Amino acid sequence: MLFLATTGIVPAPWHPHTMVEALISATIFGVVGLVILLIGFKLFEWITPKVDIERELAEKNVAVAIVVAGFMLAIGFVIARTIGGERP
């Protein structure tokens, strides 16, 4: 963003003008966020090959559930901040 500001190219902020535009954009960003969260979960499963997360969750392993929940919350916060953009 700093590069764009130094070159004089500053994108105008987009705001929905109608309720329908707001609902469509919220739906699209929500779906994109969920897809990215799913990709993050699959990446987490890939980097922890010795732990069968789905089997552990089926066996009601609370420790694994807490780790997975913490990971998904953290990834969700990052995704929300990324999709939401900068706030003044």
PDB file of N, CA and C in Angstrom:
ATOM      1  N   MET A   1       0.825  -1.180   0.000  1.00  0.00           N
ATOM      2  CA  MET A   1       0.000   0.000   0.000  1.00  0.00           C
ATOM      3  C   MET A   1       0.872   1.247   0.000  1.00  0.00           C
ATOM      4  N   LEU A   2       1.993   1.191   0.693  1.00  0.00           N
ATOM      5  CA  LEU A   2       2.894   2.333   0.726  1.00  0.00           C
ATOM      6  C   LEU A   2       3.453   2.611  -0.661  1.00  0.00           C
ATOM      7  N   PHE A   3       3.773   1.538  -1.405  1.00  0.00           N
ATOM      8  CA  PHE A   3       4.273   1.705  -2.766  1.00  0.00           C
ATOM      9  C   PHE A   3       3.253   2.425  -3.632  1.00  0.00           C
ATOM     10  N   LEU A   4       2.000   2.035  -3.509  1.00  0.00           N
ATOM     11  CA  LEU A   4       0.956   2.687  -4.295  1.00  0.00           C
ATOM     12  C   LEU A   4       0.822   4.152  -3.916  1.00  0.00           C
ATOM     13  N   ALA A   5       0.973   4.455  -2.644  1.00  0.00           N
ATOM     14  CA  ALA A   5       0.849   5.843  -2.209  1.00  0.00           C
ATOM     15  C   ALA A   5       2.007   6.686  -2.720  1.00  0.00           C
ATOM     16  N   THR A   6       3.206   6.119  -2.791  1.00  0.00           N
ATOM     17  CA  THR A   6       4.355   6.883  -3.266  1.00  0.00           C
ATOM     18  C   THR A   6       4.315   7.083  -4.771  1.00  0.00           C
ATOM     19  N   THR A   7       3.618   6.203  -5.494  1.00  0.00           N
ATOM     20  CA  THR A   7       3.510   6.370  -6.936  1.00  0.00           C
ATOM     21  C   THR A   7       2.322   7.239  -7.325  1.00  0.00           C
ATOM     22  N   GLY A   8       1.528   7.621  -6.357  1.00  0.00           N
ATOM     23  CA  GLY A   8       0.369   8.461  -6.648  1.00  0.00           C
ATOM     24  C   GLY A   8      -0.875   7.668  -7.008  1.00  0.00           C
ATOM     25  N   ILE A   9      -0.774   6.330  -7.016  1.00  0.00           N
ATOM     26  CA  ILE A   9      -1.926   5.484  -7.333  1.00  0.00           C
ATOM     27  C   ILE A   9      -2.513   5.002  -6.018  1.00  0.00           C
ATOM     28  N   VAL A  10      -3.589   5.609  -5.613  1.00  0.00           N
ATOM     29  CA  VAL A  10      -4.229   5.226  -4.358  1.00  0.00           C
ATOM     30  C   VAL A  10      -5.626   4.724  -4.691  1.00  0.00           C
ATOM     31  N   PRO A  11      -5.898   3.445  -4.411  1.00  0.00           N
ATOM     32  CA  PRO A  11      -7.226   2.925  -4.731  1.00  0.00           C
ATOM     33  C   PRO A  11      -8.286   3.568  -3.846  1.00  0.00           C
ATOM     34  N   ALA A  12      -9.398   3.883  -4.447  1.00  0.00           N
ATOM     35  CA  ALA A  12     -10.505   4.462  -3.689  1.00  0.00           C
ATOM     36  C   ALA A  12     -11.180   3.377  -2.871  1.00  0.00           C
ATOM     37  N   PRO A  13     -11.540   3.674  -1.639  1.00  0.00           N
ATOM     38  CA  PRO A  13     -12.238   2.665  -0.839  1.00  0.00           C
ATOM     39  C   PRO A  13     -13.608   2.374  -1.441  1.00  0.00           C
ATOM     40  N   TRP A  14     -13.995   1.113  -1.393  1.00  0.00           N
ATOM     41  CA  TRP A  14     -15.278   0.721  -1.949  1.00  0.00           C
ATOM     42  C   TRP A  14     -16.262   0.511  -0.807  1.00  0.00           C
ATOM     43  N   HIS A  15     -17.410   1.105  -0.937  1.00  0.00           N
ATOM     44  CA  HIS A  15     -18.467   0.918   0.040  1.00  0.00           C
ATOM     45  C   HIS A  15     -19.743   0.557  -0.702  1.00  0.00           C
ATOM     46  N   PRO A  16     -20.484  -0.409  -0.206  1.00  0.00           N
ATOM     47  CA  PRO A  16     -21.732  -0.751  -0.884  1.00  0.00           C
ATOM     48  C   PRO A  16     -22.723   0.406  -0.801  1.00  0.00           C
ATOM     49  N   HIS A  17     -23.449   0.605  -1.888  1.00  0.00           N
ATOM     50  CA  HIS A  17     -24.392   1.709  -1.948  1.00  0.00           C
ATOM     51  C   HIS A  17     -25.821   1.284  -1.609  1.00  0.00           C
ATOM     52  N   THR A  18     -26.086  -0.010  -1.701  1.00  0.00           N
ATOM     53  CA  THR A  18     -27.429  -0.510  -1.391  1.00  0.00           C
ATOM     54  C   THR A  18     -27.305  -1.703  -0.453  1.00  0.00           C
ATOM     55  N   MET A  19     -28.433  -2.068   0.113  1.00  0.00           N
ATOM     56  CA  MET A  19     -28.467  -3.230   1.003  1.00  0.00           C
ATOM     57  C   MET A  19     -28.141  -4.510   0.234  1.00  0.00           C
ATOM     58  N   VAL A  20     -28.581  -4.593  -1.001  1.00  0.00           N
ATOM     59  CA  VAL A  20     -28.314  -5.786  -1.817  1.00  0.00           C
ATOM     60  C   VAL A  20     -26.813  -5.916  -2.080  1.00  0.00           C
ATOM     61  N   GLU A  21     -26.141  -4.808  -2.422  1.00  0.00           N
ATOM     62  CA  GLU A  21     -24.690  -4.850  -2.617  1.00  0.00           C
ATOM     63  C   GLU A  21     -23.983  -5.274  -1.335  1.00  0.00           C
ATOM     64  N   ALA A  22     -24.453  -4.795  -0.198  1.00  0.00           N
ATOM     65  CA  ALA A  22     -23.848  -5.162   1.083  1.00  0.00           C
ATOM     66  C   ALA A  22     -24.025  -6.653   1.358  1.00  0.00           C
ATOM     67  N   LEU A  23     -25.197  -7.188   1.101  1.00  0.00           N
ATOM     68  CA  LEU A  23     -25.447  -8.612   1.332  1.00  0.00           C
ATOM     69  C   LEU A  23     -24.629  -9.482   0.382  1.00  0.00           C
ATOM     70  N   ILE A  24     -24.540  -9.060  -0.883  1.00  0.00           N
ATOM     71  CA  ILE A  24     -23.759  -9.837  -1.848  1.00  0.00           C
ATOM     72  C   ILE A  24     -22.285  -9.831  -1.468  1.00  0.00           C
ATOM     73  N   SER A  25     -21.749  -8.670  -1.128  1.00  0.00           N
ATOM     74  CA  SER A  25     -20.331  -8.607  -0.775  1.00  0.00           C
ATOM     75  C   SER A  25     -20.058  -9.376   0.525  1.00  0.00           C
ATOM     76  N   ALA A  26     -20.953  -9.292   1.497  1.00  0.00           N
ATOM     77  CA  ALA A  26     -20.765 -10.038   2.746  1.00  0.00           C
ATOM     78  C   ALA A  26     -20.787 -11.542   2.490  1.00  0.00           C
ATOM     79  N   THR A  27     -21.681 -11.976   1.619  1.00  0.00           N
ATOM     80  CA  THR A  27     -21.765 -13.403   1.282  1.00  0.00           C
ATOM     81  C   THR A  27     -20.499 -13.870   0.575  1.00  0.00           C
ATOM     82  N   ILE A  28     -20.051 -13.090  -0.399  1.00  0.00           N
ATOM     83  CA  ILE A  28     -18.845 -13.469  -1.144  1.00  0.00           C
ATOM     84  C   ILE A  28     -17.633 -13.510  -0.218  1.00  0.00           C
ATOM     85  N   PHE A  29     -17.457 -12.468   0.598  1.00  0.00           N
ATOM     86  CA  PHE A  29     -16.307 -12.458   1.507  1.00  0.00           C
ATOM     87  C   PHE A  29     -16.420 -13.561   2.559  1.00  0.00           C
ATOM     88  N   GLY A  30     -17.636 -13.880   2.992  1.00  0.00           N
ATOM     89  CA  GLY A  30     -17.814 -14.976   3.939  1.00  0.00           C
ATOM     90  C   GLY A  30     -17.422 -16.315   3.347  1.00  0.00           C
ATOM     91  N   VAL A  31     -17.836 -16.562   2.110  1.00  0.00           N
ATOM     92  CA  VAL A  31     -17.489 -17.819   1.442  1.00  0.00           C
ATOM     93  C   VAL A  31     -15.978 -17.895   1.213  1.00  0.00           C
ATOM     94  N   VAL A  32     -15.385 -16.792   0.766  1.00  0.00           N
ATOM     95  CA  VAL A  32     -13.932 -16.771   0.559  1.00  0.00           C
ATOM     96  C   VAL A  32     -13.210 -17.048   1.884  1.00  0.00           C
ATOM     97  N   GLY A  33     -13.676 -16.427   2.964  1.00  0.00           N
ATOM     98  CA  GLY A  33     -13.064 -16.655   4.270  1.00  0.00           C
ATOM     99  C   GLY A  33     -13.165 -18.098   4.722  1.00  0.00           C
ATOM    100  N   LEU A  34     -14.332 -18.719   4.512  1.00  0.00           N
ATOM    101  CA  LEU A  34     -14.500 -20.125   4.903  1.00  0.00           C
ATOM    102  C   LEU A  34     -13.623 -21.055   4.071  1.00  0.00           C
ATOM    103  N   VAL A  35     -13.501 -20.767   2.778  1.00  0.00           N
ATOM    104  CA  VAL A  35     -12.645 -21.590   1.923  1.00  0.00           C
ATOM    105  C   VAL A  35     -11.188 -21.479   2.380  1.00  0.00           C
ATOM    106  N   ILE A  36     -10.740 -20.268   2.676  1.00  0.00           N
ATOM    107  CA  ILE A  36      -9.366 -20.083   3.144  1.00  0.00           C
ATOM    108  C   ILE A  36      -9.172 -20.772   4.501  1.00  0.00           C
ATOM    109  N   LEU A  37     -10.178 -20.717   5.373  1.00  0.00           N
ATOM    110  CA  LEU A  37     -10.094 -21.399   6.667  1.00  0.00           C
ATOM    111  C   LEU A  37      -9.997 -22.908   6.480  1.00  0.00           C
ATOM    112  N   LEU A  38     -10.758 -23.461   5.545  1.00  0.00           N
ATOM    113  CA  LEU A  38     -10.690 -24.892   5.256  1.00  0.00           C
ATOM    114  C   LEU A  38      -9.313 -25.270   4.722  1.00  0.00           C
ATOM    115  N   ILE A  39      -8.767 -24.438   3.843  1.00  0.00           N
ATOM    116  CA  ILE A  39      -7.418 -24.686   3.329  1.00  0.00           C
ATOM    117  C   ILE A  39      -6.407 -24.646   4.477  1.00  0.00           C
ATOM    118  N   GLY A  40      -6.572 -23.696   5.396  1.00  0.00           N
ATOM    119  CA  GLY A  40      -5.687 -23.619   6.555  1.00  0.00           C
ATOM    120  C   GLY A  40      -5.783 -24.862   7.431  1.00  0.00           C
ATOM    121  N   PHE A  41      -7.000 -25.382   7.616  1.00  0.00           N
ATOM    122  CA  PHE A  41      -7.173 -26.599   8.414  1.00  0.00           C
ATOM    123  C   PHE A  41      -6.511 -27.791   7.737  1.00  0.00           C
ATOM    124  N   LYS A  42      -6.667 -27.897   6.423  1.00  0.00           N
ATOM    125  CA  LYS A  42      -6.037 -29.005   5.691  1.00  0.00           C
ATOM    126  C   LYS A  42      -4.510 -28.881   5.750  1.00  0.00           C
ATOM    127  N   LEU A  43      -4.005 -27.652   5.710  1.00  0.00           N
ATOM    128  CA  LEU A  43      -2.566 -27.425   5.845  1.00  0.00           C
ATOM    129  C   LEU A  43      -2.097 -27.840   7.237  1.00  0.00           C
ATOM    130  N   PHE A  44      -2.905 -27.538   8.265  1.00  0.00           N
ATOM    131  CA  PHE A  44      -2.585 -27.953   9.632  1.00  0.00           C
ATOM    132  C   PHE A  44      -2.543 -29.473   9.738  1.00  0.00           C
ATOM    133  N   GLU A  45      -3.492 -30.159   9.092  1.00  0.00           N
ATOM    134  CA  GLU A  45      -3.471 -31.623   9.084  1.00  0.00           C
ATOM    135  C   GLU A  45      -2.234 -32.148   8.365  1.00  0.00           C
ATOM    136  N   TRP A  46      -1.820 -31.453   7.301  1.00  0.00           N
ATOM    137  CA  TRP A  46      -0.674 -31.894   6.517  1.00  0.00           C
ATOM    138  C   TRP A  46       0.630 -31.738   7.301  1.00  0.00           C
ATOM    139  N   ILE A  47       0.753 -30.664   8.102  1.00  0.00           N
ATOM    140  CA  ILE A  47       2.004 -30.462   8.834  1.00  0.00           C
ATOM    141  C   ILE A  47       2.055 -31.261  10.141  1.00  0.00           C
ATOM    142  N   THR A  48       0.947 -31.895  10.514  1.00  0.00           N
ATOM    143  CA  THR A  48       0.936 -32.774  11.695  1.00  0.00           C
ATOM    144  C   THR A  48       0.527 -34.184  11.276  1.00  0.00           C
ATOM    145  N   PRO A  49       1.392 -34.878  10.516  1.00  0.00           N
ATOM    146  CA  PRO A  49       0.985 -36.184   9.980  1.00  0.00           C
ATOM    147  C   PRO A  49       0.874 -37.283  11.034  1.00  0.00           C
ATOM    148  N   LYS A  50       1.534 -37.131  12.187  1.00  0.00           N
ATOM    149  CA  LYS A  50       1.502 -38.189  13.193  1.00  0.00           C
ATOM    150  C   LYS A  50       0.229 -38.169  14.030  1.00  0.00           C
ATOM    151  N   VAL A  51      -0.548 -37.099  13.901  1.00  0.00           N
ATOM    152  CA  VAL A  51      -1.778 -36.988  14.671  1.00  0.00           C
ATOM    153  C   VAL A  51      -2.957 -37.077  13.702  1.00  0.00           C
ATOM    154  N   ASP A  52      -3.788 -38.090  13.880  1.00  0.00           N
ATOM    155  CA  ASP A  52      -5.002 -38.205  13.072  1.00  0.00           C
ATOM    156  C   ASP A  52      -6.076 -37.379  13.770  1.00  0.00           C
ATOM    157  N   ILE A  53      -6.204 -36.137  13.349  1.00  0.00           N
ATOM    158  CA  ILE A  53      -7.052 -35.172  14.047  1.00  0.00           C
ATOM    159  C   ILE A  53      -8.505 -35.620  14.073  1.00  0.00           C
ATOM    160  N   GLU A  54      -9.006 -36.076  12.947  1.00  0.00           N
ATOM    161  CA  GLU A  54     -10.418 -36.462  12.902  1.00  0.00           C
ATOM    162  C   GLU A  54     -10.700 -37.663  13.803  1.00  0.00           C
ATOM    163  N   ARG A  55      -9.778 -38.615  13.869  1.00  0.00           N
ATOM    164  CA  ARG A  55      -9.968 -39.777  14.760  1.00  0.00           C
ATOM    165  C   ARG A  55      -9.911 -39.337  16.217  1.00  0.00           C
ATOM    166  N   GLU A  56      -8.947 -38.462  16.533  1.00  0.00           N
ATOM    167  CA  GLU A  56      -8.820 -37.970  17.907  1.00  0.00           C
ATOM    168  C   GLU A  56     -10.067 -37.185  18.331  1.00  0.00           C
ATOM    169  N   LEU A  57     -10.611 -36.391  17.419  1.00  0.00           N
ATOM    170  CA  LEU A  57     -11.830 -35.650  17.750  1.00  0.00           C
ATOM    171  C   LEU A  57     -13.022 -36.590  17.913  1.00  0.00           C
ATOM    172  N   ALA A  58     -13.085 -37.658  17.102  1.00  0.00           N
ATOM    173  CA  ALA A  58     -14.158 -38.641  17.227  1.00  0.00           C
ATOM    174  C   ALA A  58     -14.076 -39.376  18.567  1.00  0.00           C
ATOM    175  N   GLU A  59     -12.852 -39.547  19.076  1.00  0.00           N
ATOM    176  CA  GLU A  59     -12.659 -40.196  20.377  1.00  0.00           C
ATOM    177  C   GLU A  59     -12.792 -39.209  21.535  1.00  0.00           C
ATOM    178  N   LYS A  60     -13.203 -37.981  21.237  1.00  0.00           N
ATOM    179  CA  LYS A  60     -13.438 -36.933  22.236  1.00  0.00           C
ATOM    180  C   LYS A  60     -12.178 -36.562  23.016  1.00  0.00           C
ATOM    181  N   ASN A  61     -11.068 -36.451  22.297  1.00  0.00           N
ATOM    182  CA  ASN A  61      -9.809 -36.017  22.903  1.00  0.00           C
ATOM    183  C   ASN A  61      -9.863 -34.494  23.058  1.00  0.00           C
ATOM    184  N   VAL A  62     -10.024 -34.034  24.292  1.00  0.00           N
ATOM    185  CA  VAL A  62     -10.224 -32.613  24.577  1.00  0.00           C
ATOM    186  C   VAL A  62      -8.973 -31.802  24.249  1.00  0.00           C
ATOM    187  N   ALA A  63      -7.798 -32.360  24.508  1.00  0.00           N
ATOM    188  CA  ALA A  63      -6.561 -31.621  24.233  1.00  0.00           C
ATOM    189  C   ALA A  63      -6.426 -31.305  22.746  1.00  0.00           C
ATOM    190  N   VAL A  64      -6.705 -32.280  21.900  1.00  0.00           N
ATOM    191  CA  VAL A  64      -6.640 -32.055  20.450  1.00  0.00           C
ATOM    192  C   VAL A  64      -7.718 -31.061  20.031  1.00  0.00           C
ATOM    193  N   ALA A  65      -8.885 -31.147  20.624  1.00  0.00           N
ATOM    194  CA  ALA A  65      -9.965 -30.210  20.294  1.00  0.00           C
ATOM    195  C   ALA A  65      -9.580 -28.774  20.645  1.00  0.00           C
ATOM    196  N   ILE A  66      -8.915 -28.590  21.771  1.00  0.00           N
ATOM    197  CA  ILE A  66      -8.490 -27.244  22.181  1.00  0.00           C
ATOM    198  C   ILE A  66      -7.422 -26.708  21.224  1.00  0.00           C
ATOM    199  N   VAL A  67      -6.471 -27.548  20.831  1.00  0.00           N
ATOM    200  CA  VAL A  67      -5.430 -27.123  19.901  1.00  0.00           C
ATOM    201  C   VAL A  67      -6.032 -26.759  18.548  1.00  0.00           C
ATOM    202  N   VAL A  68      -6.930 -27.592  18.050  1.00  0.00           N
ATOM    203  CA  VAL A  68      -7.573 -27.319  16.757  1.00  0.00           C
ATOM    204  C   VAL A  68      -8.424 -26.055  16.839  1.00  0.00           C
ATOM    205  N   ALA A  69      -9.162 -25.883  17.921  1.00  0.00           N
ATOM    206  CA  ALA A  69      -9.984 -24.680  18.080  1.00  0.00           C
ATOM    207  C   ALA A  69      -9.116 -23.432  18.144  1.00  0.00           C
ATOM    208  N   GLY A  70      -8.019 -23.489  18.881  1.00  0.00           N
ATOM    209  CA  GLY A  70      -7.109 -22.348  18.955  1.00  0.00           C
ATOM    210  C   GLY A  70      -6.500 -22.018  17.606  1.00  0.00           C
ATOM    211  N   PHE A  71      -6.111 -23.056  16.865  1.00  0.00           N
ATOM    212  CA  PHE A  71      -5.551 -22.837  15.539  1.00  0.00           C
ATOM    213  C   PHE A  71      -6.581 -22.215  14.610  1.00  0.00           C
ATOM    214  N   MET A  72      -7.793 -22.722  14.631  1.00  0.00           N
ATOM    215  CA  MET A  72      -8.825 -22.193  13.738  1.00  0.00           C
ATOM    216  C   MET A  72      -9.220 -20.770  14.117  1.00  0.00           C
ATOM    217  N   LEU A  73      -9.249 -20.456  15.398  1.00  0.00           N
ATOM    218  CA  LEU A  73      -9.512 -19.073  15.812  1.00  0.00           C
ATOM    219  C   LEU A  73      -8.406 -18.138  15.340  1.00  0.00           C
ATOM    220  N   ALA A  74      -7.167 -18.564  15.503  1.00  0.00           N
ATOM    221  CA  ALA A  74      -6.048 -17.729  15.074  1.00  0.00           C
ATOM    222  C   ALA A  74      -6.076 -17.498  13.571  1.00  0.00           C
ATOM    223  N   ILE A  75      -6.279 -18.551  12.809  1.00  0.00           N
ATOM    224  CA  ILE A  75      -6.356 -18.410  11.355  1.00  0.00           C
ATOM    225  C   ILE A  75      -7.560 -17.555  10.977  1.00  0.00           C
ATOM    226  N   GLY A  76      -8.674 -17.729  11.679  1.00  0.00           N
ATOM    227  CA  GLY A  76      -9.864 -16.920  11.409  1.00  0.00           C
ATOM    228  C   GLY A  76      -9.621 -15.439  11.650  1.00  0.00           C
ATOM    229  N   PHE A  77      -8.894 -15.104  12.711  1.00  0.00           N
ATOM    230  CA  PHE A  77      -8.569 -13.694  12.979  1.00  0.00           C
ATOM    231  C   PHE A  77      -7.692 -13.118  11.871  1.00  0.00           C
ATOM    232  N   VAL A  78      -6.708 -13.894  11.426  1.00  0.00           N
ATOM    233  CA  VAL A  78      -5.831 -13.429  10.352  1.00  0.00           C
ATOM    234  C   VAL A  78      -6.628 -13.230   9.062  1.00  0.00           C
ATOM    235  N   ILE A  79      -7.499 -14.174   8.742  1.00  0.00           N
ATOM    236  CA  ILE A  79      -8.309 -14.069   7.531  1.00  0.00           C
ATOM    237  C   ILE A  79      -9.242 -12.862   7.619  1.00  0.00           C
ATOM    238  N   ALA A  80      -9.886 -12.674   8.755  1.00  0.00           N
ATOM    239  CA  ALA A  80     -10.802 -11.541   8.913  1.00  0.00           C
ATOM    240  C   ALA A  80     -10.065 -10.217   8.767  1.00  0.00           C
ATOM    241  N   ARG A  81      -8.892 -10.136   9.334  1.00  0.00           N
ATOM    242  CA  ARG A  81      -8.116  -8.890   9.227  1.00  0.00           C
ATOM    243  C   ARG A  81      -7.652  -8.666   7.792  1.00  0.00           C
ATOM    244  N   THR A  82      -7.292  -9.750   7.112  1.00  0.00           N
ATOM    245  CA  THR A  82      -6.838  -9.636   5.731  1.00  0.00           C
ATOM    246  C   THR A  82      -7.983  -9.234   4.811  1.00  0.00           C
ATOM    247  N   ILE A  83      -9.121  -9.867   4.947  1.00  0.00           N
ATOM    248  CA  ILE A  83     -10.263  -9.550   4.104  1.00  0.00           C
ATOM    249  C   ILE A  83     -10.812  -8.168   4.443  1.00  0.00           C
ATOM    250  N   GLY A  84     -10.822  -7.826   5.714  1.00  0.00           N
ATOM    251  CA  GLY A  84     -11.373  -6.534   6.139  1.00  0.00           C
ATOM    252  C   GLY A  84     -10.538  -5.346   5.728  1.00  0.00           C
ATOM    253  N   GLY A  85      -9.255  -5.567   5.475  1.00  0.00           N
ATOM    254  CA  GLY A  85      -8.392  -4.470   5.063  1.00  0.00           C
ATOM    255  C   GLY A  85      -7.971  -3.601   6.226  1.00  0.00           C
ATOM    256  N   GLU A  86      -7.369  -2.463   5.878  1.00  0.00           N
ATOM    257  CA  GLU A  86      -6.869  -1.556   6.889  1.00  0.00           C
ATOM    258  C   GLU A  86      -8.001  -0.718   7.473  1.00  0.00           C
ATOM    259  N   ARG A  87      -7.898  -0.456   8.744  1.00  0.00           N
ATOM    260  CA  ARG A  87      -8.853   0.429   9.409  1.00  0.00           C
ATOM    261  C   ARG A  87      -8.090   1.667   9.857  1.00  0.00           C
ATOM    262  N   PRO A  88      -8.643   2.843   9.671  1.00  0.00           N
ATOM    263  CA  PRO A  88      -7.929   4.064  10.102  1.00  0.00           C
ATOM    264  C   PRO A  88      -7.834   4.161  11.602  1.00  0.00           C
TER     265      PRO A  88
END
